[in-house]
PDB file of N, CA and C in Angstrom:
ATOM      1  N   UNK A   1      94.427 120.531 252.934  1.00  0.00           N
ATOM      2  CA  UNK A   1      93.862 121.320 253.637  1.00  0.00           C
ATOM      3  C   UNK A   1      93.752 123.211 253.675  1.00  0.00           C
ATOM      4  N   UNK A   2      93.641 123.454 252.097  1.00  0.00           N
ATOM      5  CA  UNK A   2      92.856 124.274 251.217  1.00  0.00           C
ATOM      6  C   UNK A   2      91.787 124.449 251.275  1.00  0.00           C
ATOM      7  N   UNK A   3      91.152 122.444 251.327  1.00  0.00           N
ATOM      8  CA  UNK A   3      89.721 122.209 250.804  1.00  0.00           C
ATOM      9  C   UNK A   3      88.705 122.496 252.552  1.00  0.00           C
ATOM     10  N   UNK A   4      88.866 122.165 253.418  1.00  0.00           N
ATOM     11  CA  UNK A   4      88.106 122.034 255.172  1.00  0.00           C
ATOM     12  C   UNK A   4      88.898 123.384 255.832  1.00  0.00           C
ATOM     13  N   UNK A   5      89.759 124.044 255.644  1.00  0.00           N
ATOM     14  CA  UNK A   5      90.306 125.274 256.185  1.00  0.00           C
ATOM     15  C   UNK A   5      90.172 126.617 254.841  1.00  0.00           C
ATOM     16  N   UNK A   6      89.508 126.585 253.593  1.00  0.00           N
ATOM     17  CA  UNK A   6      89.692 127.507 252.702  1.00  0.00           C
ATOM     18  C   UNK A   6      90.154 128.106 252.993  1.00  0.00           C
ATOM     19  N   UNK A   7      92.329 127.966 252.927  1.00  0.00           N
ATOM     20  CA  UNK A   7      93.347 128.415 253.041  1.00  0.00           C
ATOM     21  C   UNK A   7      93.802 128.316 251.347  1.00  0.00           C
ATOM     22  N   UNK A   8      94.597 129.639 251.295  1.00  0.00           N
ATOM     23  CA  UNK A   8      95.520 130.009 249.933  1.00  0.00           C
ATOM     24  C   UNK A   8      96.635 128.636 249.552  1.00  0.00           C
ATOM     25  N   UNK A   9      96.134 128.606 248.427  1.00  0.00           N
ATOM     26  CA  UNK A   9      97.588 127.246 248.041  1.00  0.00           C
ATOM     27  C   UNK A   9      98.629 128.084 248.454  1.00  0.00           C
ATOM     28  N   UNK A  10      99.454 129.216 248.336  1.00  0.00           N
ATOM     29  CA  UNK A  10     100.738 129.566 249.040  1.00  0.00           C
ATOM     30  C   UNK A  10     100.929 129.789 250.663  1.00  0.00           C
ATOM     31  N   UNK A  11      99.972 129.782 251.601  1.00  0.00           N
ATOM     32  CA  UNK A  11     100.276 129.794 252.854  1.00  0.00           C
ATOM     33  C   UNK A  11     100.308 128.178 253.182  1.00  0.00           C
ATOM     34  N   UNK A  12      99.263 127.712 252.149  1.00  0.00           N
ATOM     35  CA  UNK A  12      99.679 125.662 253.208  1.00  0.00           C
ATOM     36  C   UNK A  12     101.626 125.946 253.197  1.00  0.00           C
ATOM     37  N   UNK A  13     102.097 125.802 251.689  1.00  0.00           N
ATOM     38  CA  UNK A  13     102.977 125.440 251.158  1.00  0.00           C
ATOM     39  C   UNK A  13     104.514 126.689 252.289  1.00  0.00           C
ATOM     40  N   UNK A  14     103.918 127.400 251.973  1.00  0.00           N
ATOM     41  CA  UNK A  14     104.825 128.270 253.275  1.00  0.00           C
ATOM     42  C   UNK A  14     105.354 127.784 254.864  1.00  0.00           C
ATOM     43  N   UNK A  15     103.726 126.362 255.009  1.00  0.00           N
ATOM     44  CA  UNK A  15     104.165 125.893 256.132  1.00  0.00           C
ATOM     45  C   UNK A  15     104.414 125.104 255.809  1.00  0.00           C
ATOM     46  N   UNK A  16     105.932 124.364 257.036  1.00  0.00           N
ATOM     47  CA  UNK A  16     107.287 123.906 257.167  1.00  0.00           C
ATOM     48  C   UNK A  16     106.278 121.612 257.474  1.00  0.00           C
ATOM     49  N   UNK A  17     106.669 120.879 256.753  1.00  0.00           N
ATOM     50  CA  UNK A  17     106.675 119.525 256.588  1.00  0.00           C
ATOM     51  C   UNK A  17     105.827 119.453 257.869  1.00  0.00           C
ATOM     52  N   UNK A  18     106.789 119.111 258.720  1.00  0.00           N
ATOM     53  CA  UNK A  18     105.679 118.464 260.076  1.00  0.00           C
ATOM     54  C   UNK A  18     104.925 119.345 260.135  1.00  0.00           C
ATOM     55  N   UNK A  19     104.490 121.176 260.318  1.00  0.00           N
ATOM     56  CA  UNK A  19     103.273 122.387 260.184  1.00  0.00           C
ATOM     57  C   UNK A  19     102.585 121.008 259.467  1.00  0.00           C
ATOM     58  N   UNK A  20     102.121 121.330 258.262  1.00  0.00           N
ATOM     59  CA  UNK A  20     101.484 120.347 257.386  1.00  0.00           C
ATOM     60  C   UNK A  20     100.636 119.201 257.936  1.00  0.00           C
ATOM     61  N   UNK A  21     101.935 117.923 258.948  1.00  0.00           N
ATOM     62  CA  UNK A  21     101.346 116.821 258.713  1.00  0.00           C
ATOM     63  C   UNK A  21     100.718 116.946 260.158  1.00  0.00           C
ATOM     64  N   UNK A  22     100.335 117.922 260.734  1.00  0.00           N
ATOM     65  CA  UNK A  22     100.173 118.764 262.271  1.00  0.00           C
ATOM     66  C   UNK A  22      98.455 118.744 261.744  1.00  0.00           C
ATOM     67  N   UNK A  23      98.324 119.841 260.728  1.00  0.00           N
ATOM     68  CA  UNK A  23      96.926 120.401 260.983  1.00  0.00           C
ATOM     69  C   UNK A  23      96.280 119.010 259.743  1.00  0.00           C
ATOM     70  N   UNK A  24      97.119 118.614 258.729  1.00  0.00           N
ATOM     71  CA  UNK A  24      96.787 116.993 258.254  1.00  0.00           C
ATOM     72  C   UNK A  24      95.852 115.303 259.025  1.00  0.00           C
ATOM     73  N   UNK A  25      96.960 115.785 260.984  1.00  0.00           N
ATOM     74  CA  UNK A  25      95.683 115.078 261.321  1.00  0.00           C
ATOM     75  C   UNK A  25      94.911 115.711 261.984  1.00  0.00           C
ATOM     76  N   UNK A  26      95.106 116.535 263.115  1.00  0.00           N
ATOM     77  CA  UNK A  26      93.544 117.626 262.736  1.00  0.00           C
ATOM     78  C   UNK A  26      92.651 117.718 262.033  1.00  0.00           C
ATOM     79  N   UNK A  27      92.549 117.528 260.820  1.00  0.00           N
ATOM     80  CA  UNK A  27      91.409 117.829 259.250  1.00  0.00           C
ATOM     81  C   UNK A  27      90.446 115.765 260.304  1.00  0.00           C
ATOM     82  N   UNK A  28      91.505 115.092 260.005  1.00  0.00           N
ATOM     83  CA  UNK A  28      91.544 113.795 259.694  1.00  0.00           C
ATOM     84  C   UNK A  28      90.633 113.317 261.494  1.00  0.00           C
ATOM     85  N   UNK A  29      90.856 113.962 263.024  1.00  0.00           N
ATOM     86  CA  UNK A  29      90.187 113.788 264.084  1.00  0.00           C
ATOM     87  C   UNK A  29      89.135 114.739 263.778  1.00  0.00           C
ATOM     88  N   UNK A  30      89.382 115.453 263.065  1.00  0.00           N
ATOM     89  CA  UNK A  30      87.679 116.154 262.757  1.00  0.00           C
ATOM     90  C   UNK A  30      86.402 115.433 261.793  1.00  0.00           C
ATOM     91  N   UNK A  31      87.211 114.912 260.814  1.00  0.00           N
ATOM     92  CA  UNK A  31      86.132 114.105 260.030  1.00  0.00           C
ATOM     93  C   UNK A  31      86.229 112.647 261.147  1.00  0.00           C
ATOM     94  N   UNK A  32      87.071 112.258 261.497  1.00  0.00           N
ATOM     95  CA  UNK A  32      86.768 110.712 262.105  1.00  0.00           C
ATOM     96  C   UNK A  32      85.592 111.375 263.858  1.00  0.00           C
ATOM     97  N   UNK A  33      85.453 112.572 264.510  1.00  0.00           N
ATOM     98  CA  UNK A  33      84.365 113.299 264.721  1.00  0.00           C
ATOM     99  C   UNK A  33      82.241 113.239 264.265  1.00  0.00           C
ATOM    100  N   UNK A  34      83.004 113.533 262.593  1.00  0.00           N
ATOM    101  CA  UNK A  34      81.917 114.316 261.855  1.00  0.00           C
ATOM    102  C   UNK A  34      81.183 112.397 262.217  1.00  0.00           C
ATOM    103  N   UNK A  35      81.656 111.989 261.716  1.00  0.00           N
ATOM    104  CA  UNK A  35      81.455 110.047 260.890  1.00  0.00           C
ATOM    105  C   UNK A  35      80.877 109.675 261.993  1.00  0.00           C
ATOM    106  N   UNK A  36      81.698 109.916 263.886  1.00  0.00           N
ATOM    107  CA  UNK A  36      81.396 108.980 264.462  1.00  0.00           C
ATOM    108  C   UNK A  36      79.597 109.977 264.183  1.00  0.00           C
ATOM    109  N   UNK A  37      79.170 110.711 264.688  1.00  0.00           N
ATOM    110  CA  UNK A  37      77.967 111.762 265.024  1.00  0.00           C
ATOM    111  C   UNK A  37      77.344 111.705 264.107  1.00  0.00           C
ATOM    112  N   UNK A  38      77.733 110.787 262.723  1.00  0.00           N
ATOM    113  CA  UNK A  38      76.298 110.516 261.719  1.00  0.00           C
ATOM    114  C   UNK A  38      77.354 111.700 260.427  1.00  0.00           C
ATOM    115  N   UNK A  39      77.835 112.359 260.065  1.00  0.00           N
ATOM    116  CA  UNK A  39      78.437 113.186 259.329  1.00  0.00           C
ATOM    117  C   UNK A  39      77.785 114.788 259.995  1.00  0.00           C
ATOM    118  N   UNK A  40      77.139 115.568 259.151  1.00  0.00           N
ATOM    119  CA  UNK A  40      77.683 116.764 259.103  1.00  0.00           C
ATOM    120  C   UNK A  40      76.466 117.252 259.219  1.00  0.00           C
ATOM    121  N   UNK A  41      76.173 118.293 259.897  1.00  0.00           N
ATOM    122  CA  UNK A  41      74.544 118.423 260.418  1.00  0.00           C
ATOM    123  C   UNK A  41      73.833 120.207 259.276  1.00  0.00           C
ATOM    124  N   UNK A  42      73.500 120.200 259.486  1.00  0.00           N
ATOM    125  CA  UNK A  42      72.980 121.357 258.380  1.00  0.00           C
ATOM    126  C   UNK A  42      72.149 122.242 259.226  1.00  0.00           C
TER     127      UNK A  42
END
């Protein structure tokens, strides 16, 4: 989460476990869409 969203570690650790899981799932969905599109476009 810190890598993908540039959030500080402390902020991530302040989230409860379920909220962190929700964000990890969202990152996975974003990555799946990018992979289907052929990667990151610049």
